[in-house]
Amino acid sequence: MRFTAGLAGLLVCAAIFLVSSPEVNAESNKDANKLTSTDVLILLDESSLAEKLASKDEKKPSKEAVRYVVSEGDTLASIAKSFETDWKRIFNKNKNIDNPNILEPGITITIPEDSEKLSDRVGALQTDEPLEVSQNANTQASGASVNTYKGGNSAGNKYIYGYCTWYAKQMRPDLPNQMGNAISWVSSAQAKGIPTGSKPRAGAIGQRGNHVVYVEKVNKDGTVTVSDMNYAGPGIITTRKVSADSHYYIY
């Protein structure tokens, strides 16, 4: 680059000298092979072009990825709101997050760029309860009751009948239909501004893994009485006691 700039300076001086000196111009006309002012201008153009090409070859600094360290109380929804993105994109980007509703403080996550294409990890989750949930029907807590739902479908319930999400919507018709699979209900609620928390309340929806329940009662012994569907099989309602801290709640 220094050599090119120096050469350009010399050529400019040569061009000025050639144009301003009659003697040199006369001498140049005698020999067509000698350097003319036009030749100098052409060389200057080529020199400028060389500089442009050289500048393009220089490596541009790469854009650093935006990273964030999770703090206590953070959720995917709150982080997504801070970075003006969607919580699903953050979940899809960071494979070190297994459950979109559980964030371990101290882990580092990467905020995806708007133009970045990501595989759908949320959609890849199971459509409803995992297998171990139905297997738990054989080891239900003492006092649990099972019955078949006989009520009608509430207006606006667009979830598939027989699943836990359908029953949760049935018990809480105020909640929207676009909550996704059970595993994403808490994150979806947070993204929509619906209050959530770790303390149980009667009438709240509890979510654990890929299953949601309805809280019937909060007991003094540290348990909650919940009802749900598809714990013992599709379309079957189960009522039982579970530990209060075993679920995260949507109010």
Protein backbone atom coordinates (compact mmCIF):
# COMPACT_ATOMS: atom_id res chain seq x y z
CA MET A 1 0.00 0.00 0.00
CA ARG A 2 2.87 2.47 0.85
CA PHE A 3 4.63 1.57 -2.41
CA THR A 4 1.43 2.15 -4.41
CA ALA A 5 0.81 5.54 -2.77
CA GLY A 6 4.40 6.59 -3.39
CA LEU A 7 4.23 5.53 -7.02
CA ALA A 8 1.02 7.47 -7.48
CA GLY A 9 2.69 10.58 -6.06
CA LEU A 10 5.64 10.28 -8.42
CA LEU A 11 3.36 9.79 -11.38
CA VAL A 12 1.34 12.89 -10.46
CA CYS A 13 4.52 14.93 -10.32
CA ALA A 14 5.58 13.50 -13.68
CA ALA A 15 2.21 14.39 -15.21
CA ILE A 16 2.43 17.99 -13.98
CA PHE A 17 5.96 18.29 -15.31
CA LEU A 18 4.99 16.90 -18.69
CA VAL A 19 1.99 19.14 -19.08
CA SER A 20 3.76 22.33 -17.88
CA SER A 21 7.08 21.91 -19.72
CA PRO A 22 7.00 22.81 -23.48
CA GLU A 23 10.47 21.43 -23.95
CA VAL A 24 9.52 18.08 -22.60
CA ASN A 25 6.32 18.01 -24.67
CA ALA A 26 8.29 18.78 -27.80
CA GLU A 27 10.82 16.14 -27.04
CA SER A 28 8.00 13.63 -26.33
CA ASN A 29 6.47 14.21 -29.74
CA LYS A 30 9.73 13.14 -31.36
CA ASP A 31 9.56 9.73 -29.82
CA ALA A 32 6.11 8.11 -29.55
CA ASN A 33 7.51 5.36 -27.38
CA LYS A 34 8.34 7.78 -24.57
CA LEU A 35 5.95 8.37 -21.62
CA THR A 36 3.22 10.96 -22.34
CA SER A 37 0.80 12.74 -19.99
CA THR A 38 -1.94 10.41 -21.22
CA ASP A 39 0.18 7.42 -20.27
CA VAL A 40 0.67 8.91 -16.84
CA LEU A 41 -3.07 9.41 -16.34
CA ILE A 42 -3.69 5.81 -17.39
CA LEU A 43 -1.09 4.64 -14.90
CA LEU A 44 -2.72 6.77 -12.22
CA ASP A 45 -6.08 5.12 -12.96
CA GLU A 46 -4.47 1.70 -12.76
CA SER A 47 -2.77 2.67 -9.52
CA SER A 48 -6.10 3.79 -8.03
CA LEU A 49 -7.70 0.54 -9.17
CA ALA A 50 -4.89 -1.45 -7.55
CA GLU A 51 -5.51 0.36 -4.27
CA LYS A 52 -9.22 -0.44 -4.42
CA LEU A 53 -8.54 -4.09 -5.13
CA ALA A 54 -6.01 -4.25 -2.32
CA SER A 55 -8.51 -2.74 0.13
CA LYS A 56 -11.09 -5.38 -0.82
CA ASP A 57 -8.58 -8.11 -0.07
CA GLU A 58 -8.12 -6.84 3.46
CA LYS A 59 -10.00 -9.00 5.97
CA LYS A 60 -13.00 -7.30 7.53
CA PRO A 61 -13.47 -7.86 11.29
CA SER A 62 -16.11 -10.55 11.90
CA LYS A 63 -19.22 -9.63 13.87
CA GLU A 64 -19.03 -11.07 17.36
CA ALA A 65 -21.95 -13.17 18.59
CA VAL A 66 -24.09 -11.65 21.33
CA ARG A 67 -23.83 -13.75 24.48
CA TYR A 68 -25.80 -13.48 27.71
CA VAL A 69 -25.22 -15.02 31.14
CA VAL A 70 -28.50 -16.17 32.71
CA SER A 71 -29.33 -14.58 36.06
CA GLU A 72 -31.65 -15.77 38.83
CA GLY A 73 -35.26 -15.18 37.83
CA ASP A 74 -34.57 -14.94 34.11
CA THR A 75 -36.92 -16.63 31.67
CA LEU A 76 -36.61 -17.15 27.94
CA ALA A 77 -39.48 -14.72 27.50
CA SER A 78 -37.84 -11.97 29.57
CA ILE A 79 -34.49 -12.42 27.82
CA ALA A 80 -36.18 -12.43 24.40
CA LYS A 81 -37.98 -9.20 25.26
CA SER A 82 -34.70 -7.53 26.28
CA PHE A 83 -33.05 -8.45 22.98
CA GLU A 84 -36.19 -7.85 20.86
CA THR A 85 -36.45 -11.41 19.60
CA ASP A 86 -38.64 -14.49 20.16
CA TRP A 87 -38.07 -16.95 23.02
CA LYS A 88 -38.45 -19.87 20.62
CA ARG A 89 -35.50 -18.62 18.55
CA ILE A 90 -33.32 -18.44 21.65
CA PHE A 91 -34.37 -21.99 22.62
CA ASN A 92 -33.73 -23.24 19.09
CA LYS A 93 -30.29 -21.60 19.05
CA ASN A 94 -29.06 -22.89 22.41
CA LYS A 95 -28.92 -26.67 22.65
CA ASN A 96 -27.62 -26.42 26.20
CA ILE A 97 -31.22 -25.60 27.21
CA ASP A 98 -33.17 -28.84 27.46
CA ASN A 99 -36.45 -27.41 28.76
CA PRO A 100 -37.64 -23.96 27.64
CA ASN A 101 -39.23 -23.43 31.07
CA ILE A 102 -36.08 -24.15 33.07
CA LEU A 103 -33.04 -21.87 32.91
CA GLU A 104 -30.06 -22.54 35.14
CA PRO A 105 -28.48 -19.31 36.46
CA GLY A 106 -24.89 -18.92 35.33
CA ILE A 107 -25.15 -20.63 31.96
CA THR A 108 -24.18 -18.65 28.87
CA ILE A 109 -26.56 -18.48 25.95
CA THR A 110 -26.17 -17.01 22.48
CA ILE A 111 -28.72 -14.56 21.08
CA PRO A 112 -29.49 -15.52 17.47
CA GLU A 113 -29.29 -12.96 14.68
CA ASP A 114 -32.54 -11.97 12.96
CA SER A 115 -31.42 -13.43 9.64
CA GLU A 116 -30.14 -16.69 11.11
CA LYS A 117 -31.96 -19.87 10.09
CA LEU A 118 -32.54 -22.26 12.99
CA SER A 119 -33.93 -25.78 13.25
CA ASP A 120 -37.24 -26.03 15.10
CA ARG A 121 -36.44 -27.64 18.46
CA VAL A 122 -39.77 -26.58 19.96
CA GLY A 123 -41.75 -28.36 17.27
CA ALA A 124 -39.54 -31.40 17.67
CA LEU A 125 -40.76 -31.84 21.25
CA GLN A 126 -43.42 -34.47 21.84
CA THR A 127 -46.93 -33.34 21.04
CA ASP A 128 -48.20 -34.12 24.53
CA GLU A 129 -47.33 -36.15 27.63
CA PRO A 130 -44.15 -38.23 27.56
CA LEU A 131 -44.39 -41.99 27.98
CA GLU A 132 -43.37 -41.93 31.64
CA VAL A 133 -46.49 -39.93 32.48
CA SER A 134 -48.86 -42.64 31.29
CA GLN A 135 -46.72 -45.25 33.04
CA ASN A 136 -47.19 -43.38 36.30
CA ALA A 137 -50.84 -44.33 36.18
CA ASN A 138 -49.81 -47.70 37.61
CA THR A 139 -48.18 -46.03 40.63
CA GLN A 140 -50.67 -43.32 41.47
CA ALA A 141 -50.54 -41.60 44.85
CA SER A 142 -52.82 -42.93 47.55
CA GLY A 143 -56.30 -41.47 47.36
CA ALA A 144 -56.10 -40.63 43.65
CA SER A 145 -59.32 -40.93 41.72
CA VAL A 146 -59.85 -41.62 38.03
CA ASN A 147 -62.96 -40.93 35.99
CA THR A 148 -64.01 -40.32 32.41
CA TYR A 149 -64.87 -36.75 31.48
CA LYS A 150 -68.56 -36.33 30.76
CA GLY A 151 -68.81 -32.57 30.30
CA GLY A 152 -69.16 -30.71 27.06
CA ASN A 153 -66.48 -28.81 25.19
CA SER A 154 -66.19 -25.16 26.24
CA ALA A 155 -66.60 -22.59 23.50
CA GLY A 156 -63.32 -21.70 21.88
CA ASN A 157 -61.33 -24.74 23.08
CA LYS A 158 -59.27 -25.65 20.02
CA TYR A 159 -56.99 -28.19 21.64
CA ILE A 160 -57.33 -31.89 20.85
CA TYR A 161 -59.77 -33.65 23.14
CA GLY A 162 -58.28 -36.26 25.44
CA TYR A 163 -54.97 -34.50 26.10
CA CYS A 164 -53.80 -32.54 29.12
CA THR A 165 -53.73 -29.28 27.17
CA TRP A 166 -57.40 -29.70 26.22
CA TYR A 167 -58.37 -30.24 29.85
CA ALA A 168 -56.29 -27.30 31.08
CA LYS A 169 -57.97 -25.02 28.54
CA GLN A 170 -61.33 -26.47 29.57
CA MET A 171 -60.68 -25.55 33.20
CA ARG A 172 -59.16 -22.19 32.30
CA PRO A 173 -61.10 -20.92 29.28
CA ASP A 174 -59.52 -17.48 29.81
CA LEU A 175 -56.17 -18.78 28.58
CA PRO A 176 -55.43 -18.47 24.84
CA ASN A 177 -55.34 -21.42 22.45
CA GLN A 178 -51.91 -20.58 21.05
CA MET A 179 -49.90 -21.93 24.00
CA GLY A 180 -48.25 -24.73 22.05
CA ASN A 181 -47.32 -28.12 23.50
CA ALA A 182 -47.57 -28.61 27.24
CA ILE A 183 -43.81 -28.21 27.70
CA SER A 184 -43.95 -24.65 26.37
CA TRP A 185 -47.02 -23.42 28.26
CA VAL A 186 -45.16 -21.46 30.95
CA SER A 187 -42.82 -19.84 28.42
CA SER A 188 -45.76 -19.01 26.17
CA ALA A 189 -47.67 -17.50 29.08
CA GLN A 190 -44.67 -15.37 30.05
CA ALA A 191 -44.28 -14.17 26.47
CA LYS A 192 -47.95 -13.17 26.42
CA GLY A 193 -47.69 -11.30 29.72
CA ILE A 194 -49.69 -13.85 31.72
CA PRO A 195 -48.44 -14.04 35.35
CA THR A 196 -46.44 -17.14 36.31
CA GLY A 197 -44.55 -18.25 39.39
CA SER A 198 -43.32 -21.08 41.59
CA LYS A 199 -45.97 -20.73 44.33
CA PRO A 200 -49.18 -22.72 43.82
CA ARG A 201 -52.63 -21.18 43.82
CA ALA A 202 -56.05 -22.75 43.55
CA GLY A 203 -57.25 -22.33 39.99
CA ALA A 204 -53.74 -22.08 38.54
CA ILE A 205 -52.35 -24.29 35.80
CA GLY A 206 -49.30 -26.28 36.86
CA GLN A 207 -46.71 -27.35 34.32
CA ARG A 208 -44.03 -29.99 34.72
CA GLY A 209 -42.13 -31.38 31.76
CA ASN A 210 -44.55 -32.00 28.93
CA HIS A 211 -47.66 -32.15 31.09
CA VAL A 212 -50.06 -29.58 32.53
CA VAL A 213 -52.49 -29.91 35.44
CA TYR A 214 -55.23 -27.85 37.08
CA VAL A 215 -54.74 -26.92 40.74
CA GLU A 216 -57.90 -27.79 42.67
CA LYS A 217 -56.61 -27.00 46.16
CA VAL A 218 -53.45 -25.94 48.00
CA ASN A 219 -52.94 -28.13 51.08
CA LYS A 220 -51.22 -27.26 54.37
CA ASP A 221 -48.89 -30.27 54.17
CA GLY A 222 -46.90 -28.84 51.24
CA THR A 223 -48.93 -30.63 48.59
CA VAL A 224 -51.51 -29.52 46.05
CA THR A 225 -54.54 -31.40 44.86
CA VAL A 226 -54.53 -31.39 41.07
CA SER A 227 -56.71 -32.75 38.31
CA ASP A 228 -55.61 -33.47 34.77
CA MET A 229 -56.36 -35.50 31.67
CA ASN A 230 -54.32 -38.22 29.97
CA TYR A 231 -52.31 -39.03 33.10
CA ALA A 232 -54.03 -42.41 33.19
CA GLY A 233 -54.94 -42.44 29.51
CA PRO A 234 -56.55 -40.25 26.80
CA GLY A 235 -59.86 -38.74 27.91
CA ILE A 236 -59.44 -39.92 31.51
CA ILE A 237 -59.34 -37.40 34.34
CA THR A 238 -57.12 -38.10 37.35
CA THR A 239 -57.33 -36.25 40.68
CA ARG A 240 -54.43 -36.67 43.10
CA LYS A 241 -52.02 -34.96 45.48
CA VAL A 242 -48.55 -33.93 44.33
CA SER A 243 -45.71 -31.94 45.88
CA ALA A 244 -46.34 -28.19 45.59
CA ASP A 245 -42.82 -27.52 44.33
CA SER A 246 -43.03 -30.16 41.60
CA HIS A 247 -44.71 -27.77 39.16
CA TYR A 248 -44.34 -24.23 37.83
CA TYR A 249 -47.60 -22.30 37.71
CA ILE A 250 -49.63 -20.10 35.39
CA TYR A 251 -52.00 -17.78 37.28
